[in-house]
N, C-alpha and C. Protein backbone atom coordinates (compact mmCIF):
# COMPACT_ATOMS: atom_id res chain seq x y z
N MET A 1 0.83 -1.19 0.00
CA MET A 1 -0.01 0.01 -0.01
C MET A 1 0.87 1.20 0.03
N LYS A 2 0.61 2.16 -0.89
CA LYS A 2 1.44 3.36 -1.00
C LYS A 2 1.11 4.36 0.09
N ILE A 3 2.13 4.94 0.68
CA ILE A 3 1.94 5.99 1.71
C ILE A 3 2.35 7.30 1.08
N THR A 4 1.44 8.23 1.06
CA THR A 4 1.75 9.57 0.51
C THR A 4 2.08 10.56 1.61
N ASP A 5 2.48 11.78 1.17
CA ASP A 5 2.83 12.81 2.16
C ASP A 5 1.59 13.25 2.94
N GLU A 6 0.41 13.15 2.30
CA GLU A 6 -0.80 13.68 2.93
C GLU A 6 -1.42 12.73 3.84
N ARG A 7 -1.18 11.37 3.68
CA ARG A 7 -1.82 10.36 4.51
C ARG A 7 -0.83 9.41 5.09
N ARG A 8 -1.18 8.87 6.25
CA ARG A 8 -0.36 7.74 6.80
C ARG A 8 -1.28 6.69 7.23
N TYR A 9 -0.82 5.43 7.18
CA TYR A 9 -1.62 4.31 7.51
C TYR A 9 -1.11 3.66 8.82
N PHE A 10 -2.03 3.45 9.75
CA PHE A 10 -1.64 2.97 11.07
C PHE A 10 -2.58 1.83 11.45
N PRO A 11 -2.13 0.86 12.19
CA PRO A 11 -3.08 -0.16 12.70
C PRO A 11 -4.11 0.45 13.60
N VAL A 12 -5.34 -0.03 13.46
CA VAL A 12 -6.41 0.48 14.32
C VAL A 12 -6.04 0.14 15.76
N GLY A 13 -6.28 1.15 16.65
CA GLY A 13 -5.99 0.95 18.08
C GLY A 13 -4.72 1.59 18.51
N THR A 14 -3.83 2.01 17.56
CA THR A 14 -2.60 2.65 18.01
C THR A 14 -2.84 4.15 18.26
N PHE A 15 -3.98 4.71 17.82
CA PHE A 15 -4.34 6.04 18.11
C PHE A 15 -5.80 6.24 17.86
N ARG A 16 -6.30 7.45 18.22
CA ARG A 16 -7.71 7.74 17.87
C ARG A 16 -7.77 8.86 16.85
N CYS A 17 -8.66 8.81 15.93
CA CYS A 17 -8.82 9.94 14.98
C CYS A 17 -9.71 10.88 15.73
N ASN A 18 -9.20 12.11 16.06
CA ASN A 18 -10.04 13.05 16.78
C ASN A 18 -10.97 13.81 15.89
N SER A 19 -11.80 14.69 16.51
CA SER A 19 -12.81 15.34 15.75
C SER A 19 -12.24 16.26 14.71
N SER A 20 -11.01 16.72 14.86
CA SER A 20 -10.43 17.61 13.84
C SER A 20 -9.80 16.87 12.73
N ALA A 21 -9.72 15.56 12.85
CA ALA A 21 -9.08 14.77 11.81
C ALA A 21 -10.06 14.64 10.61
N LYS A 22 -9.42 14.50 9.41
CA LYS A 22 -10.21 14.27 8.24
C LYS A 22 -10.24 12.71 8.05
N PHE A 23 -11.32 12.19 8.56
CA PHE A 23 -11.38 10.70 8.51
C PHE A 23 -11.67 10.25 7.10
N ILE A 24 -10.88 9.36 6.56
CA ILE A 24 -10.98 8.91 5.16
C ILE A 24 -11.54 7.54 5.07
N ARG A 25 -10.94 6.56 5.81
CA ARG A 25 -11.49 5.20 5.72
C ARG A 25 -11.08 4.43 6.96
N LYS A 26 -12.00 3.56 7.40
CA LYS A 26 -11.67 2.69 8.56
C LYS A 26 -12.16 1.31 8.16
N THR A 27 -11.24 0.37 8.33
CA THR A 27 -11.56 -1.05 8.09
C THR A 27 -11.24 -1.79 9.36
N THR A 28 -11.32 -3.07 9.33
CA THR A 28 -11.00 -3.81 10.52
C THR A 28 -9.53 -3.81 10.81
N ARG A 29 -8.74 -3.45 9.81
CA ARG A 29 -7.28 -3.54 10.01
C ARG A 29 -6.62 -2.16 9.89
N LEU A 30 -7.14 -1.30 9.13
CA LEU A 30 -6.53 -0.04 8.87
C LEU A 30 -7.43 1.18 9.15
N CYS A 31 -6.75 2.24 9.63
CA CYS A 31 -7.51 3.50 9.78
C CYS A 31 -6.64 4.51 9.12
N VAL A 32 -7.24 5.34 8.29
CA VAL A 32 -6.45 6.31 7.53
C VAL A 32 -6.98 7.72 7.93
N CYS A 33 -6.07 8.56 8.35
CA CYS A 33 -6.44 9.90 8.66
C CYS A 33 -5.27 10.80 8.54
N CYS A 34 -5.49 12.06 8.58
CA CYS A 34 -4.36 13.00 8.33
C CYS A 34 -3.41 12.94 9.50
N PRO A 35 -2.08 13.24 9.28
CA PRO A 35 -1.11 13.12 10.34
C PRO A 35 -1.36 13.98 11.53
N SER A 36 -2.09 15.12 11.38
CA SER A 36 -2.27 15.98 12.53
C SER A 36 -3.17 15.27 13.59
N ALA A 37 -3.90 14.24 13.21
CA ALA A 37 -4.77 13.50 14.17
C ALA A 37 -3.94 12.58 15.04
N VAL A 38 -2.70 12.24 14.60
CA VAL A 38 -1.90 11.32 15.35
C VAL A 38 -1.10 12.08 16.40
N SER A 39 -1.54 11.92 17.62
CA SER A 39 -0.91 12.67 18.71
C SER A 39 -0.55 11.68 19.78
N THR A 40 0.51 10.91 19.53
CA THR A 40 0.94 9.91 20.45
C THR A 40 2.17 10.36 21.22
N ALA A 41 2.67 9.52 22.11
CA ALA A 41 3.92 9.86 22.80
C ALA A 41 5.08 10.02 21.86
N GLN A 42 5.04 9.26 20.77
CA GLN A 42 6.10 9.31 19.73
C GLN A 42 5.91 10.43 18.78
N ASN A 43 4.72 11.01 18.70
CA ASN A 43 4.45 12.04 17.73
C ASN A 43 3.54 13.15 18.33
N PRO A 44 4.07 13.86 19.38
CA PRO A 44 3.20 14.86 20.02
C PRO A 44 2.99 16.09 19.19
N LEU A 45 1.87 16.76 19.49
CA LEU A 45 1.54 18.07 18.79
C LEU A 45 2.23 19.17 19.64
N PRO A 46 2.39 20.34 19.00
CA PRO A 46 2.93 21.47 19.77
C PRO A 46 1.96 21.88 20.86
N ASN A 47 2.44 22.46 21.96
CA ASN A 47 1.56 22.80 23.06
C ASN A 47 0.54 23.90 22.67
N SER A 48 0.88 24.69 21.65
CA SER A 48 0.00 25.74 21.15
C SER A 48 -1.30 25.14 20.55
N ALA A 49 -1.25 23.83 20.20
CA ALA A 49 -2.41 23.18 19.70
C ALA A 49 -3.38 22.71 20.73
N MET A 50 -2.99 22.76 22.00
CA MET A 50 -3.89 22.31 23.08
C MET A 50 -4.90 23.46 23.34
N LYS A 51 -6.16 23.08 23.18
CA LYS A 51 -7.28 24.07 23.37
C LYS A 51 -8.25 23.46 24.36
N ASP A 52 -9.15 24.23 24.86
CA ASP A 52 -10.28 23.71 25.64
C ASP A 52 -11.13 22.86 24.68
N PRO A 53 -11.54 21.70 25.08
CA PRO A 53 -12.43 20.86 24.22
C PRO A 53 -13.65 21.63 23.86
N ASP A 54 -14.14 21.44 22.68
CA ASP A 54 -15.33 22.13 22.13
C ASP A 54 -16.49 21.91 23.09
N GLY A 55 -17.18 23.04 23.45
CA GLY A 55 -18.37 22.93 24.25
C GLY A 55 -18.13 22.57 25.70
N GLN A 56 -16.89 22.68 26.19
CA GLN A 56 -16.52 22.29 27.55
C GLN A 56 -15.95 23.52 28.38
N LYS A 57 -16.12 23.45 29.65
CA LYS A 57 -15.51 24.45 30.52
C LYS A 57 -14.86 23.81 31.67
N ILE A 58 -13.89 24.48 32.27
CA ILE A 58 -13.11 23.92 33.45
C ILE A 58 -14.00 23.97 34.65
N GLN A 59 -14.20 22.79 35.28
CA GLN A 59 -14.94 22.72 36.53
C GLN A 59 -14.03 22.57 37.68
N PHE A 60 -12.90 21.84 37.53
CA PHE A 60 -11.90 21.67 38.66
C PHE A 60 -10.52 21.98 38.08
N ARG A 61 -9.74 22.62 38.96
CA ARG A 61 -8.28 22.80 38.63
C ARG A 61 -7.49 22.38 39.82
N PHE A 62 -6.62 21.44 39.62
CA PHE A 62 -5.79 20.85 40.62
C PHE A 62 -4.29 21.01 40.31
N HIS A 63 -3.52 21.13 41.36
CA HIS A 63 -2.05 21.16 41.24
C HIS A 63 -1.43 20.03 42.09
N THR A 64 -0.37 19.53 41.59
CA THR A 64 0.30 18.43 42.32
C THR A 64 1.00 18.99 43.60
N LEU A 65 0.98 18.19 44.64
CA LEU A 65 1.69 18.54 45.87
C LEU A 65 3.12 17.96 45.82
N PRO A 66 4.00 18.46 46.68
CA PRO A 66 5.39 17.93 46.69
C PRO A 66 5.40 16.41 46.88
N HIS A 67 6.41 15.81 46.27
CA HIS A 67 6.71 14.39 46.28
C HIS A 67 5.80 13.61 45.38
N SER A 68 5.01 14.26 44.54
CA SER A 68 4.27 13.55 43.47
C SER A 68 5.27 12.96 42.54
N ALA A 69 5.01 11.83 41.99
CA ALA A 69 6.03 11.14 41.16
C ALA A 69 5.46 10.39 39.99
N GLN A 70 6.30 10.19 38.97
CA GLN A 70 6.01 9.30 37.87
C GLN A 70 6.91 8.06 38.14
N ILE A 71 6.35 6.92 38.12
CA ILE A 71 7.05 5.68 38.50
C ILE A 71 7.38 4.84 37.23
N TYR A 72 8.69 4.59 37.05
CA TYR A 72 9.18 3.85 35.92
C TYR A 72 9.70 2.50 36.36
N THR A 73 9.44 1.49 35.52
CA THR A 73 9.88 0.11 35.76
C THR A 73 10.81 -0.39 34.65
N CYS A 74 11.97 -0.96 35.05
CA CYS A 74 12.93 -1.49 34.08
C CYS A 74 12.36 -2.83 33.58
N LYS A 75 12.13 -2.87 32.26
CA LYS A 75 11.56 -4.07 31.65
C LYS A 75 12.32 -4.48 30.37
N SER A 76 12.22 -5.77 30.08
CA SER A 76 12.80 -6.31 28.85
C SER A 76 11.99 -5.84 27.63
N THR A 77 12.68 -5.45 26.59
CA THR A 77 12.00 -5.07 25.35
C THR A 77 12.34 -6.04 24.18
N GLY A 78 12.77 -7.21 24.58
CA GLY A 78 13.20 -8.22 23.62
C GLY A 78 14.68 -8.44 23.73
N GLN A 79 15.41 -7.74 22.91
CA GLN A 79 16.92 -7.89 22.93
C GLN A 79 17.59 -6.98 23.93
N SER A 80 16.83 -5.97 24.47
CA SER A 80 17.41 -5.05 25.38
C SER A 80 16.47 -4.73 26.57
N PHE A 81 16.77 -3.63 27.34
CA PHE A 81 15.94 -3.33 28.41
C PHE A 81 15.73 -1.78 28.34
N ALA A 82 14.56 -1.35 28.89
CA ALA A 82 14.22 0.08 28.88
C ALA A 82 13.27 0.37 30.02
N TRP A 83 13.29 1.65 30.36
CA TRP A 83 12.35 2.07 31.41
C TRP A 83 10.92 2.12 30.84
N SER A 84 10.02 1.42 31.49
CA SER A 84 8.66 1.37 31.02
C SER A 84 7.73 2.26 31.91
N GLY A 85 6.67 2.68 31.39
CA GLY A 85 5.67 3.52 32.12
C GLY A 85 5.54 4.85 31.46
N PRO A 86 5.33 5.93 32.22
CA PRO A 86 5.26 5.91 33.67
C PRO A 86 3.89 5.61 34.21
N ASP A 87 3.82 5.33 35.50
CA ASP A 87 2.58 5.25 36.23
C ASP A 87 2.60 6.37 37.31
N PRO A 88 1.61 7.19 37.40
CA PRO A 88 1.60 8.27 38.35
C PRO A 88 1.34 7.84 39.79
N ASP A 89 1.88 8.56 40.72
CA ASP A 89 1.56 8.41 42.13
C ASP A 89 1.64 9.84 42.69
N ALA A 90 0.51 10.53 42.62
CA ALA A 90 0.54 11.98 42.94
C ALA A 90 -0.68 12.32 43.78
N ILE A 91 -0.46 13.34 44.61
CA ILE A 91 -1.55 13.96 45.37
C ILE A 91 -1.80 15.33 44.84
N LEU A 92 -3.05 15.55 44.49
CA LEU A 92 -3.44 16.84 43.84
C LEU A 92 -4.33 17.55 44.86
N ALA A 93 -4.34 18.89 44.76
CA ALA A 93 -5.18 19.73 45.61
C ALA A 93 -5.71 20.86 44.76
N ASP A 94 -6.94 21.34 45.13
CA ASP A 94 -7.46 22.54 44.46
C ASP A 94 -6.85 23.72 45.10
N SER A 95 -7.13 24.95 44.50
CA SER A 95 -6.45 26.15 44.97
C SER A 95 -6.74 26.48 46.42
N ALA A 96 -7.94 26.05 46.95
CA ALA A 96 -8.28 26.35 48.33
C ALA A 96 -7.84 25.23 49.26
N ASN A 97 -7.21 24.12 48.68
CA ASN A 97 -6.81 23.00 49.48
C ASN A 97 -7.96 22.34 50.20
N LYS A 98 -9.16 22.43 49.61
CA LYS A 98 -10.35 21.84 50.20
C LYS A 98 -10.66 20.47 49.65
N LEU A 99 -10.16 20.21 48.43
CA LEU A 99 -10.40 18.92 47.81
C LEU A 99 -9.08 18.33 47.39
N THR A 100 -8.76 17.15 47.94
CA THR A 100 -7.55 16.44 47.53
C THR A 100 -7.87 15.20 46.76
N VAL A 101 -6.99 14.84 45.86
CA VAL A 101 -7.23 13.79 44.89
C VAL A 101 -5.97 12.98 44.82
N HIS A 102 -6.08 11.63 44.90
CA HIS A 102 -4.96 10.70 44.64
C HIS A 102 -5.01 10.33 43.15
N HIS A 103 -3.94 10.57 42.49
CA HIS A 103 -3.82 10.25 41.02
C HIS A 103 -2.87 9.07 40.92
N TYR A 104 -3.37 7.91 40.41
CA TYR A 104 -2.56 6.73 40.39
C TYR A 104 -2.80 5.95 39.08
N LYS A 105 -2.11 4.82 39.04
CA LYS A 105 -2.10 3.98 37.77
C LYS A 105 -3.52 3.70 37.29
N GLY A 106 -3.66 3.79 36.00
CA GLY A 106 -4.96 3.57 35.35
C GLY A 106 -5.01 4.21 33.96
N PRO A 107 -4.90 5.59 33.90
CA PRO A 107 -4.82 6.48 35.05
C PRO A 107 -6.18 6.68 35.74
N SER A 108 -6.14 6.94 37.04
CA SER A 108 -7.32 7.15 37.85
C SER A 108 -7.06 8.38 38.74
N TRP A 109 -8.15 9.07 39.06
CA TRP A 109 -8.14 10.18 39.99
C TRP A 109 -9.27 9.92 41.04
N GLU A 110 -8.89 9.80 42.29
CA GLU A 110 -9.83 9.43 43.32
C GLU A 110 -9.76 10.48 44.46
N ALA A 111 -10.85 11.18 44.68
CA ALA A 111 -10.94 12.24 45.71
C ALA A 111 -11.12 11.61 47.07
N ALA A 112 -10.80 12.41 48.09
CA ALA A 112 -10.95 11.93 49.45
C ALA A 112 -12.38 11.60 49.80
N ASP A 113 -13.37 12.26 49.09
CA ASP A 113 -14.78 11.94 49.39
C ASP A 113 -15.29 10.78 48.55
N GLY A 114 -14.46 10.10 47.78
CA GLY A 114 -14.84 8.92 47.03
C GLY A 114 -15.17 9.23 45.57
N SER A 115 -15.23 10.54 45.23
CA SER A 115 -15.43 10.88 43.79
C SER A 115 -14.29 10.33 43.01
N MET A 116 -14.60 9.80 41.82
CA MET A 116 -13.57 9.16 41.02
C MET A 116 -13.83 9.37 39.52
N VAL A 117 -12.74 9.43 38.79
CA VAL A 117 -12.75 9.42 37.32
C VAL A 117 -11.56 8.68 36.80
N ARG A 118 -11.77 7.99 35.68
CA ARG A 118 -10.64 7.19 35.11
C ARG A 118 -10.47 7.61 33.66
N SER A 119 -9.38 7.13 33.07
CA SER A 119 -9.18 7.27 31.61
C SER A 119 -8.39 6.13 31.12
N GLU A 120 -7.97 6.17 29.88
CA GLU A 120 -7.08 5.13 29.27
C GLU A 120 -5.89 5.81 28.63
N GLY A 121 -4.70 5.41 29.07
CA GLY A 121 -3.51 6.06 28.55
C GLY A 121 -3.41 5.93 27.07
N ALA A 122 -3.91 4.87 26.46
CA ALA A 122 -3.80 4.63 25.00
C ALA A 122 -4.62 5.67 24.19
N LEU A 123 -5.61 6.37 24.89
CA LEU A 123 -6.44 7.34 24.26
C LEU A 123 -5.92 8.76 24.42
N ALA A 124 -4.84 8.89 25.11
CA ALA A 124 -4.26 10.22 25.42
C ALA A 124 -3.80 10.90 24.15
N ARG A 125 -4.07 12.16 24.01
CA ARG A 125 -3.44 13.03 22.99
C ARG A 125 -2.28 13.70 23.71
N HIS A 126 -1.13 13.64 23.08
CA HIS A 126 0.14 14.20 23.67
C HIS A 126 0.56 15.51 23.02
N PHE A 127 0.99 16.41 23.86
CA PHE A 127 1.44 17.71 23.45
C PHE A 127 2.82 18.01 24.05
N LEU A 128 3.71 18.63 23.25
CA LEU A 128 5.02 18.98 23.79
C LEU A 128 4.89 19.99 24.95
N PRO A 129 5.62 19.78 26.03
CA PRO A 129 5.62 20.72 27.10
C PRO A 129 6.38 21.97 26.83
N VAL A 130 6.09 23.07 27.53
CA VAL A 130 6.91 24.31 27.39
C VAL A 130 8.33 24.02 27.94
N ASN A 131 8.37 23.26 29.02
CA ASN A 131 9.65 22.86 29.60
C ASN A 131 10.08 21.54 29.01
N THR A 132 11.12 21.60 28.19
CA THR A 132 11.56 20.40 27.46
C THR A 132 12.08 19.31 28.28
N SER A 133 12.34 19.52 29.55
CA SER A 133 12.83 18.48 30.45
C SER A 133 11.68 17.97 31.34
N ALA A 134 10.47 17.94 30.75
CA ALA A 134 9.30 17.54 31.55
C ALA A 134 8.45 16.57 30.68
N VAL A 135 7.60 15.82 31.35
CA VAL A 135 6.71 14.94 30.68
C VAL A 135 5.66 15.74 29.85
N HIS A 136 5.11 15.04 28.89
CA HIS A 136 4.16 15.74 27.96
C HIS A 136 2.96 16.28 28.64
N TRP A 137 2.40 17.28 28.04
CA TRP A 137 1.02 17.71 28.35
C TRP A 137 0.13 16.65 27.74
N LEU A 138 -1.05 16.43 28.33
CA LEU A 138 -1.96 15.41 27.87
C LEU A 138 -3.41 15.91 27.82
N GLU A 139 -4.17 15.37 26.90
CA GLU A 139 -5.64 15.44 26.94
C GLU A 139 -6.16 14.02 27.01
N LEU A 140 -6.97 13.74 28.00
CA LEU A 140 -7.50 12.41 28.21
C LEU A 140 -9.02 12.43 28.28
N PRO A 141 -9.71 11.55 27.60
CA PRO A 141 -11.15 11.41 27.76
C PRO A 141 -11.53 10.74 29.09
N ALA A 142 -12.51 11.31 29.74
CA ALA A 142 -12.94 10.75 31.04
C ALA A 142 -13.75 9.45 30.86
N LYS A 143 -13.60 8.56 31.81
CA LYS A 143 -14.37 7.31 31.85
C LYS A 143 -14.87 7.09 33.29
N ASP A 144 -16.07 6.56 33.40
CA ASP A 144 -16.63 6.14 34.65
C ASP A 144 -16.56 7.28 35.75
N PRO A 145 -16.98 8.50 35.43
CA PRO A 145 -16.90 9.55 36.43
C PRO A 145 -18.04 9.38 37.46
N SER A 146 -17.77 9.76 38.71
CA SER A 146 -18.82 9.59 39.74
C SER A 146 -18.77 10.76 40.74
N ARG A 147 -19.91 10.92 41.44
CA ARG A 147 -20.04 11.88 42.48
C ARG A 147 -19.67 13.33 41.98
N GLN A 148 -18.73 14.02 42.69
CA GLN A 148 -18.40 15.35 42.25
C GLN A 148 -17.85 15.41 40.81
N PHE A 149 -17.29 14.31 40.33
CA PHE A 149 -16.72 14.22 39.00
C PHE A 149 -17.69 13.70 37.94
N ALA A 150 -18.98 13.51 38.35
CA ALA A 150 -19.94 12.80 37.53
C ALA A 150 -20.10 13.38 36.12
N LYS A 151 -19.88 14.66 35.93
CA LYS A 151 -20.00 15.30 34.63
C LYS A 151 -18.74 15.53 33.89
N VAL A 152 -17.63 15.11 34.49
CA VAL A 152 -16.28 15.36 33.84
C VAL A 152 -16.19 14.52 32.52
N THR A 153 -15.76 15.23 31.48
CA THR A 153 -15.73 14.64 30.13
C THR A 153 -14.23 14.52 29.64
N PHE A 154 -13.43 15.48 30.00
CA PHE A 154 -12.02 15.52 29.58
C PHE A 154 -11.11 15.97 30.73
N ILE A 155 -9.89 15.48 30.69
CA ILE A 155 -8.87 15.96 31.67
C ILE A 155 -7.66 16.38 30.89
N HIS A 156 -7.14 17.59 31.25
CA HIS A 156 -5.87 18.05 30.67
C HIS A 156 -4.82 18.05 31.75
N ARG A 157 -3.59 17.62 31.34
CA ARG A 157 -2.41 17.78 32.18
C ARG A 157 -1.57 18.84 31.52
N ILE A 158 -1.32 19.92 32.18
CA ILE A 158 -0.51 21.01 31.61
C ILE A 158 0.57 21.49 32.62
N ASP A 159 1.38 22.44 32.12
CA ASP A 159 2.37 23.09 33.04
C ASP A 159 3.25 22.03 33.75
N THR A 160 3.74 21.03 33.06
CA THR A 160 4.50 19.96 33.66
C THR A 160 5.94 20.41 33.91
N SER A 161 6.53 19.81 34.91
CA SER A 161 7.90 19.94 35.24
C SER A 161 8.45 18.63 35.76
N GLY A 162 9.57 18.17 35.24
CA GLY A 162 10.13 16.88 35.62
C GLY A 162 9.36 15.66 35.20
N GLY A 163 9.65 14.53 35.79
CA GLY A 163 8.91 13.31 35.49
C GLY A 163 9.43 12.50 34.32
N LEU A 164 10.53 12.84 33.71
CA LEU A 164 11.10 12.04 32.59
C LEU A 164 11.73 10.81 33.10
N PRO A 165 11.92 9.77 32.18
CA PRO A 165 12.58 8.55 32.61
C PRO A 165 13.94 8.77 33.21
N PRO A 166 14.33 7.92 34.18
CA PRO A 166 15.60 8.10 34.89
C PRO A 166 16.77 7.65 34.10
N SER A 167 17.22 8.46 33.10
CA SER A 167 18.24 8.04 32.18
C SER A 167 19.57 7.78 32.81
N ALA A 168 19.82 8.36 34.05
CA ALA A 168 21.07 8.19 34.69
C ALA A 168 21.13 6.87 35.51
N LYS A 169 19.99 6.20 35.61
CA LYS A 169 19.92 4.94 36.32
C LYS A 169 20.07 3.78 35.42
N PRO A 170 20.83 2.73 35.77
CA PRO A 170 20.96 1.58 34.87
C PRO A 170 19.66 0.77 34.68
N CYS A 171 19.42 0.35 33.47
CA CYS A 171 18.27 -0.53 33.22
C CYS A 171 18.75 -1.64 32.32
N ASP A 172 19.06 -2.80 32.90
CA ASP A 172 19.61 -3.96 32.13
C ASP A 172 19.14 -5.21 32.84
N ALA A 173 19.69 -6.36 32.40
CA ALA A 173 19.21 -7.64 32.96
C ALA A 173 19.34 -7.72 34.43
N GLN A 174 20.42 -7.05 34.99
CA GLN A 174 20.65 -7.11 36.47
C GLN A 174 19.64 -6.22 37.20
N HIS A 175 19.03 -5.26 36.49
CA HIS A 175 18.11 -4.33 37.15
C HIS A 175 16.63 -4.52 36.68
N ALA A 176 16.40 -5.64 36.00
CA ALA A 176 15.05 -5.93 35.56
C ALA A 176 14.08 -5.90 36.72
N GLY A 177 13.01 -5.25 36.57
CA GLY A 177 12.03 -5.16 37.66
C GLY A 177 12.20 -4.01 38.60
N ASP A 178 13.39 -3.36 38.55
CA ASP A 178 13.61 -2.19 39.37
C ASP A 178 12.62 -1.11 39.08
N GLN A 179 12.22 -0.31 40.14
CA GLN A 179 11.35 0.79 39.91
C GLN A 179 12.09 2.03 40.43
N GLU A 180 11.79 3.14 39.71
CA GLU A 180 12.35 4.45 40.09
C GLU A 180 11.24 5.47 40.13
N ARG A 181 11.18 6.24 41.21
CA ARG A 181 10.23 7.38 41.33
C ARG A 181 10.95 8.64 40.88
N VAL A 182 10.27 9.31 39.91
CA VAL A 182 10.84 10.60 39.47
C VAL A 182 9.83 11.74 39.79
N ASP A 183 10.27 12.68 40.57
CA ASP A 183 9.43 13.76 41.06
C ASP A 183 8.95 14.58 39.77
N TYR A 184 7.72 15.05 39.89
CA TYR A 184 7.19 15.90 38.82
C TYR A 184 6.12 16.80 39.41
N SER A 185 5.79 17.82 38.65
CA SER A 185 4.65 18.63 39.06
C SER A 185 3.86 18.98 37.78
N ALA A 186 2.59 19.27 37.98
CA ALA A 186 1.72 19.55 36.88
C ALA A 186 0.43 20.17 37.39
N THR A 187 -0.35 20.77 36.47
CA THR A 187 -1.65 21.25 36.74
C THR A 187 -2.68 20.32 35.98
N TYR A 188 -3.74 19.95 36.61
CA TYR A 188 -4.79 19.13 36.00
C TYR A 188 -6.03 19.91 35.93
N LEU A 189 -6.64 19.90 34.74
CA LEU A 189 -7.93 20.60 34.49
C LEU A 189 -9.00 19.58 34.20
N PHE A 190 -10.10 19.61 34.86
CA PHE A 190 -11.19 18.69 34.66
C PHE A 190 -12.35 19.49 33.98
N TYR A 191 -12.76 18.97 32.85
CA TYR A 191 -13.77 19.68 32.05
C TYR A 191 -15.10 19.04 32.15
N VAL A 192 -16.14 19.89 32.08
CA VAL A 192 -17.50 19.45 32.02
C VAL A 192 -18.22 20.21 30.94
N PRO A 193 -19.38 19.68 30.44
CA PRO A 193 -20.12 20.42 29.36
C PRO A 193 -20.49 21.83 29.74
N ARG A 194 -20.35 22.72 28.85
CA ARG A 194 -20.77 24.14 29.08
C ARG A 194 -22.22 24.30 28.71
N ARG A 195 -23.10 24.29 29.80
CA ARG A 195 -24.51 24.45 29.58
C ARG A 195 -25.07 25.55 30.49
């Protein structure tokens, strides 16, 4: 199959064609859309492209508290080893410090009052951070929201600092399974429909 400059062919499930994509064809094996729709960890969009989702407004704004971390695990990649992940382990608070949220693997966000929302990392849209030594900015669709988060539709992670893989730490056969916590900070925006 010929790949042109205007189109790229990817296996279904490796990304989602967002609403701004020009969807051309979807079969059980291939999905064709314009390259701008592909916003993966390997192909992030510029941060200037991150906008409030259409028809949505910010309902909650949280910031990470000190000692929040991205957790990496040393894993085999076949012939070599690499840091896999990350999985978050962060405590978030709103500006008044009245609502605290535990952000952990899933990804999931669980408030002290039991309110919860989840997402899927595979569905994340990635954006380059302003700080080049930081983890990506993300847009994540909300899943299974409850209680205070019942109307949340999207979550943005912005203003990141730190959290990149621990390149100075060895990851090889002798260190397989090792985990490293890398401190990071970020702001999380929870969106709800604007009505």
